[in-house]
Amino acid sequence: MKNLILIMLTLCSLSAMGQSKLNGIWNTGDENTKIEISESNGELVGNIKSSDNTKAKVGTPMLKDFVKEGTNWKAKIYAAKKQKWYDATVTPKGDVLKIEISVGFLSKTLEWKRVP
């Protein structure tokens, strides 16, 4: 019984460690927009926390549907100008979050910086 409890605690801590790299507030560099990635109902989600853009609404989801794939995460990112969700690969590298958005043959990479 003790071994089972130990295994369950280990698995839970590994899951939490994987998510903790993404959790936090990230500055997109675009109009001082800050996105907070946190867990909601057992899933990671990235919502607008603040922005100098008057059209950006605080609380609006910008990232969703995170799925861990090796050291990366697959997710959906919202493009407000197009009002569409796009597939993205999210890669945490220290205090930088690299987000590669792919649309057909085109791709764009964004770099968000963690807010201390």
N, C-alpha and C. Protein backbone atom coordinates (compact mmCIF):
# COMPACT_ATOMS: atom_id res chain seq x y z
N MET A 1 0.83 -1.19 0.00
CA MET A 1 0.00 0.00 0.00
C MET A 1 0.87 1.26 0.00
N LYS A 2 1.96 1.24 0.80
CA LYS A 2 2.86 2.39 0.84
C LYS A 2 3.49 2.64 -0.52
N ASN A 3 3.84 1.55 -1.22
CA ASN A 3 4.45 1.69 -2.55
C ASN A 3 3.48 2.33 -3.53
N LEU A 4 2.22 1.94 -3.46
CA LEU A 4 1.21 2.51 -4.35
C LEU A 4 1.06 4.01 -4.10
N ILE A 5 1.04 4.41 -2.84
CA ILE A 5 0.93 5.83 -2.50
C ILE A 5 2.15 6.59 -3.00
N LEU A 6 3.34 6.00 -2.83
CA LEU A 6 4.58 6.62 -3.29
C LEU A 6 4.57 6.80 -4.81
N ILE A 7 4.12 5.80 -5.53
CA ILE A 7 4.05 5.88 -7.00
C ILE A 7 3.08 6.97 -7.42
N MET A 8 1.93 7.05 -6.79
CA MET A 8 0.92 8.06 -7.14
C MET A 8 1.47 9.47 -6.87
N LEU A 9 2.14 9.67 -5.76
CA LEU A 9 2.72 10.98 -5.45
C LEU A 9 3.79 11.36 -6.45
N THR A 10 4.60 10.40 -6.86
CA THR A 10 5.65 10.66 -7.85
C THR A 10 5.04 11.06 -9.19
N LEU A 11 4.03 10.35 -9.63
CA LEU A 11 3.38 10.68 -10.90
C LEU A 11 2.75 12.06 -10.85
N CYS A 12 2.09 12.38 -9.76
CA CYS A 12 1.47 13.70 -9.62
C CYS A 12 2.51 14.81 -9.64
N SER A 13 3.64 14.59 -8.97
CA SER A 13 4.67 15.63 -8.93
C SER A 13 5.31 15.81 -10.31
N LEU A 14 5.50 14.73 -11.07
CA LEU A 14 6.05 14.85 -12.42
C LEU A 14 5.11 15.62 -13.32
N SER A 15 3.83 15.38 -13.21
CA SER A 15 2.83 16.10 -14.00
C SER A 15 2.86 17.58 -13.65
N ALA A 16 2.93 17.90 -12.38
CA ALA A 16 2.97 19.29 -11.95
C ALA A 16 4.24 19.98 -12.41
N MET A 17 5.38 19.27 -12.41
CA MET A 17 6.63 19.87 -12.86
C MET A 17 6.56 20.23 -14.33
N GLY A 18 5.95 19.40 -15.15
CA GLY A 18 5.84 19.67 -16.57
C GLY A 18 5.00 20.90 -16.85
N GLN A 19 3.95 21.09 -16.06
CA GLN A 19 3.09 22.24 -16.27
C GLN A 19 3.70 23.51 -15.71
N SER A 20 4.51 23.41 -14.67
CA SER A 20 5.03 24.60 -14.01
C SER A 20 5.93 25.42 -14.94
N LYS A 21 6.52 24.81 -15.97
CA LYS A 21 7.34 25.56 -16.90
C LYS A 21 6.51 26.56 -17.70
N LEU A 22 5.24 26.26 -17.90
CA LEU A 22 4.37 27.15 -18.65
C LEU A 22 3.60 28.11 -17.75
N ASN A 23 3.29 27.67 -16.54
CA ASN A 23 2.52 28.51 -15.62
C ASN A 23 3.24 29.83 -15.37
N GLY A 24 2.47 30.91 -15.35
CA GLY A 24 3.03 32.21 -15.06
C GLY A 24 2.49 33.26 -15.99
N ILE A 25 3.07 34.44 -15.91
CA ILE A 25 2.64 35.57 -16.74
C ILE A 25 3.71 35.83 -17.78
N TRP A 26 3.27 35.96 -19.03
CA TRP A 26 4.18 36.12 -20.17
C TRP A 26 3.86 37.40 -20.91
N ASN A 27 4.89 38.20 -21.22
CA ASN A 27 4.72 39.42 -21.99
C ASN A 27 4.91 39.09 -23.46
N THR A 28 3.90 39.38 -24.27
CA THR A 28 3.96 39.05 -25.69
C THR A 28 4.86 40.01 -26.48
N GLY A 29 5.16 41.17 -25.87
CA GLY A 29 5.96 42.17 -26.57
C GLY A 29 5.14 43.02 -27.51
N ASP A 30 3.87 42.72 -27.67
CA ASP A 30 2.98 43.45 -28.55
C ASP A 30 2.01 44.28 -27.70
N GLU A 31 2.19 45.59 -27.70
CA GLU A 31 1.35 46.51 -26.93
C GLU A 31 1.31 46.16 -25.45
N ASN A 32 2.46 45.70 -24.95
CA ASN A 32 2.60 45.35 -23.53
C ASN A 32 1.49 44.40 -23.05
N THR A 33 1.10 43.48 -23.91
CA THR A 33 0.07 42.51 -23.56
C THR A 33 0.68 41.39 -22.75
N LYS A 34 0.03 41.08 -21.64
CA LYS A 34 0.49 40.02 -20.75
C LYS A 34 -0.55 38.91 -20.72
N ILE A 35 -0.07 37.68 -20.92
CA ILE A 35 -0.91 36.48 -20.91
C ILE A 35 -0.55 35.66 -19.68
N GLU A 36 -1.56 35.27 -18.92
CA GLU A 36 -1.33 34.41 -17.76
C GLU A 36 -1.73 32.99 -18.10
N ILE A 37 -0.75 32.08 -18.03
CA ILE A 37 -1.02 30.67 -18.25
C ILE A 37 -1.17 30.01 -16.89
N SER A 38 -2.32 29.38 -16.70
CA SER A 38 -2.60 28.72 -15.43
C SER A 38 -3.50 27.52 -15.68
N GLU A 39 -3.70 26.75 -14.64
CA GLU A 39 -4.55 25.57 -14.75
C GLU A 39 -5.98 25.94 -14.36
N SER A 40 -6.92 25.54 -15.20
CA SER A 40 -8.34 25.77 -14.93
C SER A 40 -9.09 24.48 -15.25
N ASN A 41 -9.78 23.94 -14.25
CA ASN A 41 -10.51 22.68 -14.41
C ASN A 41 -9.61 21.56 -14.92
N GLY A 42 -8.36 21.52 -14.44
CA GLY A 42 -7.44 20.46 -14.79
C GLY A 42 -6.75 20.64 -16.13
N GLU A 43 -6.99 21.77 -16.81
CA GLU A 43 -6.37 22.02 -18.11
C GLU A 43 -5.63 23.35 -18.08
N LEU A 44 -4.55 23.44 -18.85
CA LEU A 44 -3.84 24.71 -18.98
C LEU A 44 -4.58 25.62 -19.94
N VAL A 45 -4.62 26.90 -19.60
CA VAL A 45 -5.24 27.90 -20.46
C VAL A 45 -4.48 29.21 -20.29
N GLY A 46 -4.37 29.98 -21.37
CA GLY A 46 -3.69 31.27 -21.33
C GLY A 46 -4.68 32.38 -21.60
N ASN A 47 -4.90 33.25 -20.61
CA ASN A 47 -5.85 34.35 -20.74
C ASN A 47 -5.13 35.69 -20.68
N ILE A 48 -5.72 36.71 -21.33
CA ILE A 48 -5.16 38.05 -21.26
C ILE A 48 -5.28 38.55 -19.82
N LYS A 49 -4.15 38.97 -19.26
CA LYS A 49 -4.13 39.52 -17.90
C LYS A 49 -4.17 41.05 -17.94
N SER A 50 -3.44 41.64 -18.91
CA SER A 50 -3.45 43.10 -19.08
C SER A 50 -2.90 43.43 -20.46
N SER A 51 -3.22 44.64 -20.92
CA SER A 51 -2.73 45.08 -22.23
C SER A 51 -2.90 46.58 -22.37
N ASP A 52 -1.98 47.21 -23.12
CA ASP A 52 -2.13 48.62 -23.46
C ASP A 52 -3.08 48.79 -24.64
N ASN A 53 -3.44 47.70 -25.30
CA ASN A 53 -4.39 47.72 -26.41
C ASN A 53 -5.81 47.84 -25.84
N THR A 54 -6.48 48.92 -26.16
CA THR A 54 -7.82 49.15 -25.59
C THR A 54 -8.85 48.13 -26.09
N LYS A 55 -8.56 47.47 -27.20
CA LYS A 55 -9.50 46.47 -27.74
C LYS A 55 -9.33 45.10 -27.07
N ALA A 56 -8.19 44.88 -26.42
CA ALA A 56 -7.94 43.60 -25.75
C ALA A 56 -8.75 43.55 -24.46
N LYS A 57 -9.52 42.47 -24.29
CA LYS A 57 -10.35 42.33 -23.10
C LYS A 57 -9.68 41.39 -22.10
N VAL A 58 -9.48 41.90 -20.89
CA VAL A 58 -8.88 41.09 -19.83
C VAL A 58 -9.75 39.85 -19.60
N GLY A 59 -9.09 38.69 -19.50
CA GLY A 59 -9.78 37.43 -19.28
C GLY A 59 -10.05 36.64 -20.55
N THR A 60 -9.84 37.26 -21.70
CA THR A 60 -10.07 36.57 -22.98
C THR A 60 -9.06 35.45 -23.16
N PRO A 61 -9.52 34.22 -23.47
CA PRO A 61 -8.58 33.11 -23.72
C PRO A 61 -7.79 33.34 -25.00
N MET A 62 -6.46 33.14 -24.91
CA MET A 62 -5.58 33.27 -26.07
C MET A 62 -4.89 31.96 -26.41
N LEU A 63 -4.76 31.07 -25.42
CA LEU A 63 -4.16 29.75 -25.62
C LEU A 63 -5.05 28.72 -24.94
N LYS A 64 -5.24 27.57 -25.62
CA LYS A 64 -6.06 26.51 -25.03
C LYS A 64 -5.66 25.16 -25.62
N ASP A 65 -6.28 24.11 -25.13
CA ASP A 65 -6.10 22.74 -25.64
C ASP A 65 -4.64 22.28 -25.64
N PHE A 66 -3.94 22.52 -24.54
CA PHE A 66 -2.54 22.11 -24.42
C PHE A 66 -2.43 20.59 -24.34
N VAL A 67 -1.51 20.02 -25.12
CA VAL A 67 -1.20 18.59 -25.08
C VAL A 67 0.32 18.47 -25.09
N LYS A 68 0.86 17.79 -24.09
CA LYS A 68 2.31 17.62 -23.97
C LYS A 68 2.82 16.64 -25.02
N GLU A 69 3.89 17.03 -25.74
CA GLU A 69 4.54 16.16 -26.72
C GLU A 69 6.05 16.30 -26.55
N GLY A 70 6.64 15.40 -25.77
CA GLY A 70 8.07 15.48 -25.49
C GLY A 70 8.37 16.71 -24.66
N THR A 71 9.27 17.57 -25.15
CA THR A 71 9.59 18.80 -24.42
C THR A 71 8.72 19.97 -24.86
N ASN A 72 7.90 19.74 -25.88
CA ASN A 72 7.01 20.78 -26.42
C ASN A 72 5.57 20.53 -26.00
N TRP A 73 4.75 21.51 -26.29
CA TRP A 73 3.31 21.39 -26.09
C TRP A 73 2.63 21.77 -27.40
N LYS A 74 1.61 21.06 -27.76
CA LYS A 74 0.74 21.46 -28.87
C LYS A 74 -0.42 22.22 -28.22
N ALA A 75 -0.86 23.28 -28.87
CA ALA A 75 -1.95 24.09 -28.32
C ALA A 75 -2.66 24.81 -29.45
N LYS A 76 -3.69 25.52 -29.10
CA LYS A 76 -4.40 26.40 -30.04
C LYS A 76 -4.16 27.82 -29.56
N ILE A 77 -3.85 28.73 -30.51
CA ILE A 77 -3.65 30.14 -30.19
C ILE A 77 -4.67 30.96 -30.97
N TYR A 78 -5.21 31.98 -30.30
CA TYR A 78 -6.25 32.80 -30.92
C TYR A 78 -5.61 34.01 -31.60
N ALA A 79 -5.97 34.22 -32.86
CA ALA A 79 -5.52 35.39 -33.61
C ALA A 79 -6.69 36.37 -33.63
N ALA A 80 -6.59 37.42 -32.82
CA ALA A 80 -7.70 38.36 -32.65
C ALA A 80 -8.06 39.07 -33.96
N LYS A 81 -7.06 39.43 -34.76
CA LYS A 81 -7.33 40.14 -36.01
C LYS A 81 -8.13 39.28 -36.98
N LYS A 82 -7.83 38.00 -37.02
CA LYS A 82 -8.54 37.07 -37.93
C LYS A 82 -9.75 36.43 -37.26
N GLN A 83 -9.82 36.54 -35.92
CA GLN A 83 -10.87 35.92 -35.12
C GLN A 83 -10.94 34.42 -35.38
N LYS A 84 -9.74 33.77 -35.35
CA LYS A 84 -9.63 32.34 -35.59
C LYS A 84 -8.63 31.72 -34.62
N TRP A 85 -8.81 30.43 -34.38
CA TRP A 85 -7.86 29.64 -33.60
C TRP A 85 -6.92 28.92 -34.56
N TYR A 86 -5.62 28.92 -34.25
CA TYR A 86 -4.63 28.26 -35.08
C TYR A 86 -3.83 27.26 -34.24
N ASP A 87 -3.31 26.23 -34.91
CA ASP A 87 -2.44 25.26 -34.24
C ASP A 87 -1.11 25.92 -33.93
N ALA A 88 -0.56 25.57 -32.77
CA ALA A 88 0.72 26.14 -32.37
C ALA A 88 1.53 25.10 -31.61
N THR A 89 2.85 25.24 -31.70
CA THR A 89 3.76 24.44 -30.90
C THR A 89 4.40 25.39 -29.89
N VAL A 90 4.26 25.07 -28.62
CA VAL A 90 4.75 25.93 -27.54
C VAL A 90 5.96 25.25 -26.89
N THR A 91 7.09 25.97 -26.85
CA THR A 91 8.32 25.42 -26.30
C THR A 91 8.87 26.36 -25.23
N PRO A 92 8.85 25.92 -23.97
CA PRO A 92 9.45 26.75 -22.92
C PRO A 92 10.97 26.60 -22.92
N LYS A 93 11.68 27.72 -22.90
CA LYS A 93 13.15 27.72 -22.83
C LYS A 93 13.55 28.75 -21.80
N GLY A 94 13.60 28.32 -20.54
CA GLY A 94 13.93 29.24 -19.46
C GLY A 94 12.85 30.28 -19.29
N ASP A 95 13.24 31.55 -19.42
CA ASP A 95 12.28 32.65 -19.27
C ASP A 95 11.70 33.11 -20.60
N VAL A 96 11.84 32.28 -21.63
CA VAL A 96 11.28 32.58 -22.95
C VAL A 96 10.35 31.45 -23.36
N LEU A 97 9.22 31.84 -23.92
CA LEU A 97 8.26 30.88 -24.45
C LEU A 97 8.24 31.06 -25.96
N LYS A 98 8.68 30.04 -26.69
CA LYS A 98 8.66 30.11 -28.16
C LYS A 98 7.36 29.49 -28.63
N ILE A 99 6.65 30.21 -29.46
CA ILE A 99 5.37 29.74 -29.98
C ILE A 99 5.44 29.77 -31.50
N GLU A 100 5.38 28.58 -32.09
CA GLU A 100 5.41 28.48 -33.55
C GLU A 100 4.00 28.21 -34.04
N ILE A 101 3.51 29.11 -34.88
CA ILE A 101 2.16 29.00 -35.42
C ILE A 101 2.29 28.54 -36.87
N SER A 102 1.58 27.48 -37.21
CA SER A 102 1.62 26.95 -38.57
C SER A 102 0.26 27.07 -39.22
N VAL A 103 0.26 27.63 -40.42
CA VAL A 103 -0.96 27.74 -41.23
C VAL A 103 -0.59 27.31 -42.64
N GLY A 104 -0.98 26.11 -42.99
CA GLY A 104 -0.61 25.59 -44.30
C GLY A 104 0.89 25.47 -44.42
N PHE A 105 1.46 26.11 -45.46
CA PHE A 105 2.91 26.08 -45.66
C PHE A 105 3.63 27.21 -44.93
N LEU A 106 2.88 28.13 -44.36
CA LEU A 106 3.47 29.27 -43.67
C LEU A 106 3.59 29.00 -42.18
N SER A 107 4.61 29.58 -41.58
CA SER A 107 4.75 29.49 -40.13
C SER A 107 5.36 30.78 -39.61
N LYS A 108 5.04 31.07 -38.36
CA LYS A 108 5.55 32.27 -37.71
C LYS A 108 5.92 31.88 -36.29
N THR A 109 7.06 32.38 -35.81
CA THR A 109 7.48 32.08 -34.45
C THR A 109 7.42 33.35 -33.60
N LEU A 110 6.74 33.25 -32.47
CA LEU A 110 6.65 34.34 -31.51
C LEU A 110 7.54 34.01 -30.32
N GLU A 111 8.05 35.03 -29.66
CA GLU A 111 8.80 34.82 -28.42
C GLU A 111 8.18 35.69 -27.33
N TRP A 112 7.69 35.04 -26.30
CA TRP A 112 7.13 35.73 -25.16
C TRP A 112 8.12 35.62 -24.02
N LYS A 113 8.24 36.67 -23.23
CA LYS A 113 9.17 36.67 -22.10
C LYS A 113 8.39 36.60 -20.78
N ARG A 114 8.91 35.76 -19.87
CA ARG A 114 8.26 35.60 -18.56
C ARG A 114 8.38 36.92 -17.78
N VAL A 115 7.28 37.30 -17.13
CA VAL A 115 7.26 38.48 -16.28
C VAL A 115 7.72 38.06 -14.89
N PRO A 116 8.76 38.72 -14.35
CA PRO A 116 9.26 38.32 -13.03
C PRO A 116 8.25 38.60 -11.92
